[in-house]
């Protein structure tokens, strides 16, 4: 009986360690996701500033074969 308890406690400790590592991984990924979202937001803002406010009319566009 004692051996079974020790085995269960060992497995529980390993599971807790794994859970802690997974939590750290999720936290790091969330930090990276937040950073990437901010970068996309900034890029979208930059794109809006360099693109014309009104869409080009089809007759103003140069055909792709030119």
PDB file of N, CA and C in Angstrom:
ATOM      1  N   UNK A   1       0.831  -1.196   0.000  1.00  0.00           N
ATOM      2  CA  UNK A   1       0.000   0.000   0.000  1.00  0.00           C
ATOM      3  C   UNK A   1       0.874   1.258   0.000  1.00  0.00           C
ATOM      4  N   UNK A   2       1.915   1.258   0.804  1.00  0.00           N
ATOM      5  CA  UNK A   2       2.809   2.421   0.888  1.00  0.00           C
ATOM      6  C   UNK A   2       3.451   2.713  -0.465  1.00  0.00           C
ATOM      7  N   UNK A   3       3.822   1.665  -1.185  1.00  0.00           N
ATOM      8  CA  UNK A   3       4.457   1.848  -2.496  1.00  0.00           C
ATOM      9  C   UNK A   3       3.486   2.495  -3.486  1.00  0.00           C
ATOM     10  N   UNK A   4       2.230   2.118  -3.418  1.00  0.00           N
ATOM     11  CA  UNK A   4       1.231   2.716  -4.306  1.00  0.00           C
ATOM     12  C   UNK A   4       1.063   4.196  -4.003  1.00  0.00           C
ATOM     13  N   UNK A   5       1.074   4.560  -2.757  1.00  0.00           N
ATOM     14  CA  UNK A   5       0.937   5.983  -2.380  1.00  0.00           C
ATOM     15  C   UNK A   5       2.138   6.771  -2.881  1.00  0.00           C
ATOM     16  N   UNK A   6       3.336   6.217  -2.709  1.00  0.00           N
ATOM     17  CA  UNK A   6       4.545   6.884  -3.182  1.00  0.00           C
ATOM     18  C   UNK A   6       4.490   7.053  -4.699  1.00  0.00           C
ATOM     19  N   UNK A   7       4.041   6.022  -5.395  1.00  0.00           N
ATOM     20  CA  UNK A   7       3.929   6.092  -6.853  1.00  0.00           C
ATOM     21  C   UNK A   7       2.933   7.174  -7.262  1.00  0.00           C
ATOM     22  N   UNK A   8       1.790   7.227  -6.601  1.00  0.00           N
ATOM     23  CA  UNK A   8       0.787   8.248  -6.903  1.00  0.00           C
ATOM     24  C   UNK A   8       1.312   9.651  -6.601  1.00  0.00           C
ATOM     25  N   UNK A   9       2.011   9.814  -5.484  1.00  0.00           N
ATOM     26  CA  UNK A   9       2.569  11.119  -5.134  1.00  0.00           C
ATOM     27  C   UNK A   9       3.616  11.557  -6.163  1.00  0.00           C
ATOM     28  N   UNK A  10       4.409  10.601  -6.630  1.00  0.00           N
ATOM     29  CA  UNK A  10       5.429  10.906  -7.638  1.00  0.00           C
ATOM     30  C   UNK A  10       4.766  11.338  -8.943  1.00  0.00           C
ATOM     31  N   UNK A  11       3.720  10.621  -9.339  1.00  0.00           N
ATOM     32  CA  UNK A  11       3.001  10.982 -10.551  1.00  0.00           C
ATOM     33  C   UNK A  11       2.330  12.354 -10.401  1.00  0.00           C
ATOM     34  N   UNK A  12       1.789  12.625  -9.240  1.00  0.00           N
ATOM     35  CA  UNK A  12       1.155  13.912  -8.977  1.00  0.00           C
ATOM     36  C   UNK A  12       2.176  15.047  -9.072  1.00  0.00           C
ATOM     37  N   UNK A  13       3.346  14.853  -8.510  1.00  0.00           N
ATOM     38  CA  UNK A  13       4.392  15.880  -8.585  1.00  0.00           C
ATOM     39  C   UNK A  13       4.806  16.118 -10.027  1.00  0.00           C
ATOM     40  N   UNK A  14       4.920  15.054 -10.806  1.00  0.00           N
ATOM     41  CA  UNK A  14       5.292  15.195 -12.214  1.00  0.00           C
ATOM     42  C   UNK A  14       4.191  15.940 -12.971  1.00  0.00           C
ATOM     43  N   UNK A  15       2.941  15.623 -12.679  1.00  0.00           N
ATOM     44  CA  UNK A  15       1.820  16.298 -13.334  1.00  0.00           C
ATOM     45  C   UNK A  15       1.783  17.777 -12.956  1.00  0.00           C
ATOM     46  N   UNK A  16       2.061  18.100 -11.711  1.00  0.00           N
ATOM     47  CA  UNK A  16       2.097  19.502 -11.274  1.00  0.00           C
ATOM     48  C   UNK A  16       3.229  20.258 -11.964  1.00  0.00           C
ATOM     49  N   UNK A  17       4.378  19.616 -12.090  1.00  0.00           N
ATOM     50  CA  UNK A  17       5.501  20.247 -12.801  1.00  0.00           C
ATOM     51  C   UNK A  17       5.143  20.507 -14.262  1.00  0.00           C
ATOM     52  N   UNK A  18       4.512  19.545 -14.882  1.00  0.00           N
ATOM     53  CA  UNK A  18       4.099  19.689 -16.275  1.00  0.00           C
ATOM     54  C   UNK A  18       3.077  20.812 -16.419  1.00  0.00           C
ATOM     55  N   UNK A  19       2.130  20.882 -15.499  1.00  0.00           N
ATOM     56  CA  UNK A  19       1.121  21.935 -15.529  1.00  0.00           C
ATOM     57  C   UNK A  19       1.772  23.307 -15.368  1.00  0.00           C
ATOM     58  N   UNK A  20       2.737  23.418 -14.471  1.00  0.00           N
ATOM     59  CA  UNK A  20       3.458  24.692 -14.297  1.00  0.00           C
ATOM     60  C   UNK A  20       4.178  25.088 -15.578  1.00  0.00           C
ATOM     61  N   UNK A  21       4.829  24.141 -16.222  1.00  0.00           N
ATOM     62  CA  UNK A  21       5.541  24.425 -17.465  1.00  0.00           C
ATOM     63  C   UNK A  21       4.559  24.834 -18.564  1.00  0.00           C
ATOM     64  N   UNK A  22       3.435  24.158 -18.649  1.00  0.00           N
ATOM     65  CA  UNK A  22       2.429  24.521 -19.643  1.00  0.00           C
ATOM     66  C   UNK A  22       1.877  25.922 -19.378  1.00  0.00           C
ATOM     67  N   UNK A  23       1.656  26.260 -18.122  1.00  0.00           N
ATOM     68  CA  UNK A  23       1.188  27.605 -17.780  1.00  0.00           C
ATOM     69  C   UNK A  23       2.204  28.660 -18.191  1.00  0.00           C
ATOM     70  N   UNK A  24       3.479  28.398 -17.964  1.00  0.00           N
ATOM     71  CA  UNK A  24       4.518  29.346 -18.373  1.00  0.00           C
ATOM     72  C   UNK A  24       4.550  29.489 -19.890  1.00  0.00           C
ATOM     73  N   UNK A  25       4.373  28.380 -20.592  1.00  0.00           N
ATOM     74  CA  UNK A  25       4.356  28.414 -22.055  1.00  0.00           C
ATOM     75  C   UNK A  25       3.176  29.234 -22.564  1.00  0.00           C
ATOM     76  N   UNK A  26       2.010  29.011 -21.994  1.00  0.00           N
ATOM     77  CA  UNK A  26       0.821  29.772 -22.397  1.00  0.00           C
ATOM     78  C   UNK A  26       1.034  31.257 -22.110  1.00  0.00           C
ATOM     79  N   UNK A  27       1.617  31.588 -20.974  1.00  0.00           N
ATOM     80  CA  UNK A  27       1.862  32.994 -20.626  1.00  0.00           C
ATOM     81  C   UNK A  27       2.817  33.637 -21.640  1.00  0.00           C
ATOM     82  N   UNK A  28       3.899  32.924 -21.980  1.00  0.00           N
ATOM     83  CA  UNK A  28       4.847  33.472 -22.963  1.00  0.00           C
ATOM     84  C   UNK A  28       4.183  33.652 -24.321  1.00  0.00           C
ATOM     85  N   UNK A  29       3.374  32.700 -24.714  1.00  0.00           N
ATOM     86  CA  UNK A  29       2.691  32.804 -25.999  1.00  0.00           C
ATOM     87  C   UNK A  29       1.702  33.972 -25.997  1.00  0.00           C
ATOM     88  N   UNK A  30       1.043  34.205 -24.862  1.00  0.00           N
ATOM     89  CA  UNK A  30       0.118  35.334 -24.773  1.00  0.00           C
ATOM     90  C   UNK A  30       0.868  36.651 -24.890  1.00  0.00           C
ATOM     91  N   UNK A  31       2.051  36.729 -24.258  1.00  0.00           N
ATOM     92  CA  UNK A  31       2.856  37.936 -24.372  1.00  0.00           C
ATOM     93  C   UNK A  31       3.257  38.177 -25.820  1.00  0.00           C
ATOM     94  N   UNK A  32       3.669  37.120 -26.501  1.00  0.00           N
ATOM     95  CA  UNK A  32       4.069  37.238 -27.894  1.00  0.00           C
ATOM     96  C   UNK A  32       2.880  37.614 -28.776  1.00  0.00           C
ATOM     97  N   UNK A  33       1.725  37.031 -28.511  1.00  0.00           N
ATOM     98  CA  UNK A  33       0.522  37.356 -29.266  1.00  0.00           C
ATOM     99  C   UNK A  33       0.145  38.825 -29.072  1.00  0.00           C
ATOM    100  N   UNK A  34       0.238  39.314 -27.854  1.00  0.00           N
ATOM    101  CA  UNK A  34      -0.052  40.725 -27.595  1.00  0.00           C
ATOM    102  C   UNK A  34       0.893  41.625 -28.375  1.00  0.00           C
ATOM    103  N   UNK A  35       2.166  41.276 -28.400  1.00  0.00           N
ATOM    104  CA  UNK A  35       3.156  42.055 -29.142  1.00  0.00           C
ATOM    105  C   UNK A  35       2.853  42.036 -30.636  1.00  0.00           C
ATOM    106  N   UNK A  36       2.529  40.868 -31.169  1.00  0.00           N
ATOM    107  CA  UNK A  36       2.219  40.751 -32.595  1.00  0.00           C
ATOM    108  C   UNK A  36       0.962  41.542 -32.955  1.00  0.00           C
ATOM    109  N   UNK A  37      -0.031  41.508 -32.085  1.00  0.00           N
ATOM    110  CA  UNK A  37      -1.248  42.292 -32.337  1.00  0.00           C
ATOM    111  C   UNK A  37      -0.927  43.783 -32.395  1.00  0.00           C
ATOM    112  N   UNK A  38      -0.101  44.238 -31.493  1.00  0.00           N
ATOM    113  CA  UNK A  38       0.290  45.649 -31.483  1.00  0.00           C
ATOM    114  C   UNK A  38       1.061  46.002 -32.751  1.00  0.00           C
ATOM    115  N   UNK A  39       1.935  45.117 -33.196  1.00  0.00           N
ATOM    116  CA  UNK A  39       2.691  45.369 -34.416  1.00  0.00           C
ATOM    117  C   UNK A  39       1.765  45.422 -35.633  1.00  0.00           C
ATOM    118  N   UNK A  40       0.782  44.536 -35.685  1.00  0.00           N
ATOM    119  CA  UNK A  40      -0.183  44.549 -36.790  1.00  0.00           C
ATOM    120  C   UNK A  40      -0.986  45.848 -36.746  1.00  0.00           C
ATOM    121  N   UNK A  41      -1.379  46.274 -35.560  1.00  0.00           N
ATOM    122  CA  UNK A  41      -2.118  47.524 -35.428  1.00  0.00           C
ATOM    123  C   UNK A  41      -1.289  48.696 -35.942  1.00  0.00           C
ATOM    124  N   UNK A  42      -0.008  48.731 -35.574  1.00  0.00           N
ATOM    125  CA  UNK A  42       0.867  49.810 -36.025  1.00  0.00           C
ATOM    126  C   UNK A  42       1.072  49.760 -37.537  1.00  0.00           C
ATOM    127  N   UNK A  43       1.240  48.566 -38.079  1.00  0.00           N
ATOM    128  CA  UNK A  43       1.400  48.440 -39.530  1.00  0.00           C
ATOM    129  C   UNK A  43       0.138  48.888 -40.267  1.00  0.00           C
ATOM    130  N   UNK A  44      -1.014  48.540 -39.738  1.00  0.00           N
ATOM    131  CA  UNK A  44      -2.267  48.962 -40.361  1.00  0.00           C
ATOM    132  C   UNK A  44      -2.371  50.482 -40.338  1.00  0.00           C
ATOM    133  N   UNK A  45      -1.958  51.091 -39.238  1.00  0.00           N
ATOM    134  CA  UNK A  45      -1.982  52.548 -39.141  1.00  0.00           C
ATOM    135  C   UNK A  45      -1.021  53.163 -40.163  1.00  0.00           C
ATOM    136  N   UNK A  46       0.161  52.602 -40.290  1.00  0.00           N
ATOM    137  CA  UNK A  46       1.123  53.107 -41.279  1.00  0.00           C
ATOM    138  C   UNK A  46       0.570  52.965 -42.687  1.00  0.00           C
ATOM    139  N   UNK A  47      -0.079  51.866 -42.955  1.00  0.00           N
ATOM    140  CA  UNK A  47      -0.648  51.630 -44.272  1.00  0.00           C
ATOM    141  C   UNK A  47      -1.729  52.667 -44.581  1.00  0.00           C
ATOM    142  N   UNK A  48      -2.544  52.975 -43.589  1.00  0.00           N
ATOM    143  CA  UNK A  48      -3.587  53.989 -43.797  1.00  0.00           C
ATOM    144  C   UNK A  48      -2.981  55.357 -44.091  1.00  0.00           C
ATOM    145  N   UNK A  49      -1.839  55.647 -43.519  1.00  0.00           N
ATOM    146  CA  UNK A  49      -1.240  56.969 -43.736  1.00  0.00           C
ATOM    147  C   UNK A  49      -0.575  57.088 -45.097  1.00  0.00           C
ATOM    148  N   UNK A  50      -0.145  55.976 -45.687  1.00  0.00           N
ATOM    149  CA  UNK A  50       0.526  56.078 -46.980  1.00  0.00           C
ATOM    150  C   UNK A  50      -0.412  55.822 -48.154  1.00  0.00           C
ATOM    151  N   UNK A  51      -1.560  55.235 -47.910  1.00  0.00           N
ATOM    152  CA  UNK A  51      -2.519  54.987 -48.989  1.00  0.00           C
ATOM    153  C   UNK A  51      -3.388  56.223 -49.175  1.00  0.00           C
ATOM    154  N   UNK A  52      -3.829  56.455 -50.397  1.00  0.00           N
ATOM    155  CA  UNK A  52      -4.733  57.586 -50.612  1.00  0.00           C
ATOM    156  C   UNK A  52      -6.033  57.383 -49.850  1.00  0.00           C
ATOM    157  N   UNK A  53      -6.612  58.483 -49.450  1.00  0.00           N
ATOM    158  CA  UNK A  53      -7.843  58.413 -48.660  1.00  0.00           C
ATOM    159  C   UNK A  53      -8.998  57.837 -49.475  1.00  0.00           C
ATOM    160  N   UNK A  54      -9.072  58.202 -50.733  1.00  0.00           N
ATOM    161  CA  UNK A  54     -10.153  57.680 -51.562  1.00  0.00           C
ATOM    162  C   UNK A  54      -9.584  56.590 -52.469  1.00  0.00           C
ATOM    163  N   UNK A  55     -10.371  55.576 -52.732  1.00  0.00           N
ATOM    164  CA  UNK A  55      -9.881  54.511 -53.610  1.00  0.00           C
ATOM    165  C   UNK A  55      -9.661  55.039 -55.024  1.00  0.00           C
ATOM    166  N   UNK A  56      -8.702  54.455 -55.695  1.00  0.00           N
ATOM    167  CA  UNK A  56      -8.422  54.855 -57.069  1.00  0.00           C
ATOM    168  C   UNK A  56      -9.569  54.439 -57.978  1.00  0.00           C
ATOM    169  N   UNK A  57      -9.794  55.267 -58.948  1.00  0.00           N
ATOM    170  CA  UNK A  57     -10.800  54.919 -59.941  1.00  0.00           C
ATOM    171  C   UNK A  57     -10.156  53.929 -60.912  1.00  0.00           C
ATOM    172  N   UNK A  58     -10.922  53.017 -61.457  1.00  0.00           N
ATOM    173  CA  UNK A  58     -10.351  52.030 -62.393  1.00  0.00           C
ATOM    174  C   UNK A  58      -9.618  52.693 -63.555  1.00  0.00           C
ATOM    175  N   UNK A  59     -10.103  53.818 -64.050  1.00  0.00           N
ATOM    176  CA  UNK A  59      -9.444  54.463 -65.178  1.00  0.00           C
ATOM    177  C   UNK A  59      -8.110  55.112 -64.796  1.00  0.00           C
ATOM    178  N   UNK A  60      -7.867  55.288 -63.481  1.00  0.00           N
ATOM    179  CA  UNK A  60      -6.596  55.852 -63.031  1.00  0.00           C
ATOM    180  C   UNK A  60      -5.509  54.789 -62.870  1.00  0.00           C
ATOM    181  N   UNK A  61      -5.890  53.557 -62.830  1.00  0.00           N
ATOM    182  CA  UNK A  61      -4.928  52.486 -62.607  1.00  0.00           C
ATOM    183  C   UNK A  61      -4.224  52.105 -63.909  1.00  0.00           C
ATOM    184  N   UNK A  62      -2.947  51.784 -63.797  1.00  0.00           N
ATOM    185  CA  UNK A  62      -2.172  51.318 -64.942  1.00  0.00           C
ATOM    186  C   UNK A  62      -2.442  49.820 -65.109  1.00  0.00           C
ATOM    187  N   UNK A  63      -2.767  49.402 -66.326  1.00  0.00           N
ATOM    188  CA  UNK A  63      -2.987  47.958 -66.525  1.00  0.00           C
ATOM    189  C   UNK A  63      -1.746  47.156 -66.178  1.00  0.00           C
ATOM    190  N   UNK A  64      -1.904  45.930 -65.710  1.00  0.00           N
ATOM    191  CA  UNK A  64      -0.769  45.132 -65.272  1.00  0.00           C
ATOM    192  C   UNK A  64       0.211  44.780 -66.383  1.00  0.00           C
ATOM    193  N   UNK A  65      -0.199  44.825 -67.611  1.00  0.00           N
ATOM    194  CA  UNK A  65       0.704  44.459 -68.708  1.00  0.00           C
ATOM    195  C   UNK A  65       1.544  45.639 -69.173  1.00  0.00           C
ATOM    196  N   UNK A  66       1.420  46.799 -68.581  1.00  0.00           N
ATOM    197  CA  UNK A  66       2.191  47.976 -68.991  1.00  0.00           C
ATOM    198  C   UNK A  66       3.427  48.120 -68.180  1.00  0.00           C
TER     199      UNK A  66
END
